[in-house]
Amino acid sequence: MSLFRTITANFSASPQISVADVAQAARDGFSAVICNRPDHEDGGQVEAAQIAKACAEHGMSFTHIPISGGIPEEAVPLMREALAASSGPVLAYCRSGTRSTNLWALAQASAGGIPEELVEAGARGGYDLRGLMPLLRSLSQGH
């Protein structure tokens, strides 16, 4: 089972999840899953389509915003839209949860989130977002 790390009451991040983890996420009250991992990044990785199918079977929405390397600018509004469309708590995953948490913070900042609070939330979940602070500030001010 994967480790779901709580970032806020409505957002958690995780390393790669399995089909069984989707059932656990549904039991835990998540209403949506966001995959930030491209298929075939690692051998033996569960493909996004399998997770999407399991989400549908458990009444959860699924969004695939694959990120490899740096986070492309166009991913930020996609993440913001996916978060806004959710009817409840969201679980996002990638290889370690870092890309998902970084993208969440960028999406939140672009919607007017307070950078210092976003960095603190990431830290509570075990993710260090301090390196994103200049970009978070820029996005937040541009809102």
Protein backbone atom coordinates (compact mmCIF):
# COMPACT_ATOMS: atom_id res chain seq x y z
CA MET A 1 0.00 0.00 0.00
CA SER A 2 1.15 3.50 -0.78
CA LEU A 3 1.69 6.23 1.72
CA PHE A 4 -0.93 8.97 1.37
CA ARG A 5 0.69 12.13 2.77
CA THR A 6 -1.75 14.79 3.92
CA ILE A 7 -0.81 18.24 2.67
CA THR A 8 -4.14 19.95 3.46
CA ALA A 9 -7.59 18.71 4.44
CA ASN A 10 -8.43 18.56 0.72
CA PHE A 11 -5.16 17.45 -0.85
CA SER A 12 -2.82 14.53 -0.30
CA ALA A 13 0.14 13.30 -2.31
CA SER A 14 1.57 9.85 -2.71
CA PRO A 15 4.23 7.82 -4.42
CA GLN A 16 2.97 5.51 -7.19
CA ILE A 17 -0.34 3.89 -6.24
CA SER A 18 -1.78 0.49 -7.09
CA VAL A 19 -5.31 -0.59 -7.95
CA ALA A 20 -5.68 -1.71 -4.31
CA ASP A 21 -4.63 1.78 -3.21
CA VAL A 22 -7.51 3.24 -5.23
CA ALA A 23 -9.94 1.17 -3.14
CA GLN A 24 -8.24 2.46 0.02
CA ALA A 25 -8.42 6.04 -1.25
CA ALA A 26 -12.16 5.61 -1.82
CA ARG A 27 -12.58 4.24 1.71
CA ASP A 28 -10.54 7.20 3.01
CA GLY A 29 -13.01 9.61 1.40
CA PHE A 30 -11.06 10.86 -1.61
CA SER A 31 -13.29 11.92 -4.49
CA ALA A 32 -10.59 12.37 -7.14
CA VAL A 33 -7.21 11.03 -8.16
CA ILE A 34 -4.68 12.95 -10.24
CA CYS A 35 -1.76 11.13 -11.85
CA ASN A 36 1.29 13.30 -12.53
CA ARG A 37 3.37 10.45 -13.81
CA PRO A 38 3.93 9.54 -17.46
CA ASP A 39 3.27 5.91 -18.30
CA HIS A 40 6.38 3.70 -18.64
CA GLU A 41 8.53 5.97 -16.47
CA ASP A 42 9.65 2.85 -14.59
CA GLY A 43 9.35 -0.82 -15.41
CA GLY A 44 6.42 -2.50 -13.66
CA GLN A 45 4.64 0.79 -13.01
CA VAL A 46 0.84 0.61 -12.99
CA GLU A 47 -0.38 2.48 -16.07
CA ALA A 48 -2.68 5.47 -15.72
CA ALA A 49 -5.48 3.69 -17.63
CA GLN A 50 -5.59 0.94 -14.97
CA ILE A 51 -5.81 3.52 -12.18
CA ALA A 52 -8.48 5.45 -14.14
CA LYS A 53 -10.56 2.28 -14.49
CA ALA A 54 -10.26 1.52 -10.77
CA CYS A 55 -11.24 5.11 -9.94
CA ALA A 56 -14.35 4.82 -12.12
CA GLU A 57 -15.27 1.57 -10.37
CA HIS A 58 -15.04 3.36 -7.01
CA GLY A 59 -16.92 6.48 -8.08
CA MET A 60 -13.89 8.76 -8.13
CA SER A 61 -12.81 11.08 -10.92
CA PHE A 62 -9.40 10.64 -12.52
CA THR A 63 -7.18 13.17 -14.27
CA HIS A 64 -3.86 12.44 -15.96
CA ILE A 65 -1.41 15.36 -16.10
CA PRO A 66 1.88 13.60 -16.84
CA ILE A 67 5.02 15.51 -15.85
CA SER A 68 8.59 14.47 -16.59
CA GLY A 69 11.54 16.62 -15.73
CA GLY A 70 10.53 20.21 -15.01
CA ILE A 71 6.91 21.26 -14.66
CA PRO A 72 5.68 22.76 -17.93
CA GLU A 73 3.78 26.04 -17.64
CA GLU A 74 0.65 24.55 -19.23
CA ALA A 75 0.37 21.94 -16.46
CA VAL A 76 -0.38 24.57 -13.80
CA PRO A 77 -3.85 25.60 -15.09
CA LEU A 78 -4.67 21.94 -15.81
CA MET A 79 -3.91 21.07 -12.18
CA ARG A 80 -5.85 24.09 -10.93
CA GLU A 81 -8.88 23.01 -13.02
CA ALA A 82 -8.66 19.39 -11.82
CA LEU A 83 -8.51 20.51 -8.19
CA ALA A 84 -11.42 22.94 -8.65
CA ALA A 85 -13.54 20.28 -10.37
CA SER A 86 -13.24 17.85 -7.47
CA SER A 87 -16.23 17.42 -5.21
CA GLY A 88 -14.02 16.51 -2.25
CA PRO A 89 -10.49 15.57 -1.19
CA VAL A 90 -7.95 14.88 -3.94
CA LEU A 91 -5.12 12.34 -3.98
CA ALA A 92 -2.35 13.09 -6.47
CA TYR A 93 0.56 10.79 -7.19
CA CYS A 94 3.79 10.47 -9.14
CA ARG A 95 6.96 8.48 -8.46
CA SER A 96 7.52 9.97 -4.99
CA GLY A 97 4.74 12.55 -4.56
CA THR A 98 7.14 15.45 -5.05
CA ARG A 99 6.02 16.45 -8.56
CA SER A 100 2.39 16.23 -7.47
CA THR A 101 3.00 18.42 -4.43
CA ASN A 102 5.04 20.92 -6.44
CA LEU A 103 2.34 21.15 -9.10
CA TRP A 104 -0.37 21.51 -6.42
CA ALA A 105 1.54 24.40 -4.84
CA LEU A 106 2.04 26.14 -8.19
CA ALA A 107 -1.67 25.72 -9.00
CA GLN A 108 -2.67 27.08 -5.60
CA ALA A 109 -0.30 30.06 -5.92
CA SER A 110 -1.69 30.85 -9.37
CA ALA A 111 -5.15 30.97 -7.77
CA GLY A 112 -3.95 33.45 -5.14
CA GLY A 113 -2.61 31.06 -2.50
CA ILE A 114 -0.14 32.45 0.00
CA PRO A 115 3.34 31.10 -0.83
CA GLU A 116 4.52 30.78 2.78
CA GLU A 117 1.40 28.79 3.69
CA LEU A 118 1.86 26.52 0.68
CA VAL A 119 5.48 25.81 1.66
CA GLU A 120 4.39 25.07 5.24
CA ALA A 121 1.67 22.71 4.03
CA GLY A 122 4.15 20.87 1.84
CA ALA A 123 6.55 20.53 4.77
CA ARG A 124 3.79 19.03 6.96
CA GLY A 125 3.43 16.33 4.31
CA GLY A 126 7.18 15.77 4.10
CA TYR A 127 7.85 17.75 0.92
CA ASP A 128 10.33 20.63 0.79
CA LEU A 129 8.88 23.38 -1.41
CA ARG A 130 11.27 26.15 -0.34
CA GLY A 131 13.07 26.05 -3.70
CA LEU A 132 9.80 27.00 -5.40
CA MET A 133 9.33 30.14 -3.29
CA PRO A 134 10.34 32.66 -6.01
CA LEU A 135 7.98 31.05 -8.53
CA LEU A 136 5.19 30.71 -5.95
CA ARG A 137 5.53 34.42 -5.14
CA SER A 138 5.49 35.37 -8.80
CA LEU A 139 2.39 33.27 -9.52
CA SER A 140 0.62 34.53 -6.42
CA GLN A 141 1.30 38.17 -7.28
CA GLY A 142 0.11 37.63 -10.84
CA HIS A 143 -3.27 36.40 -9.65
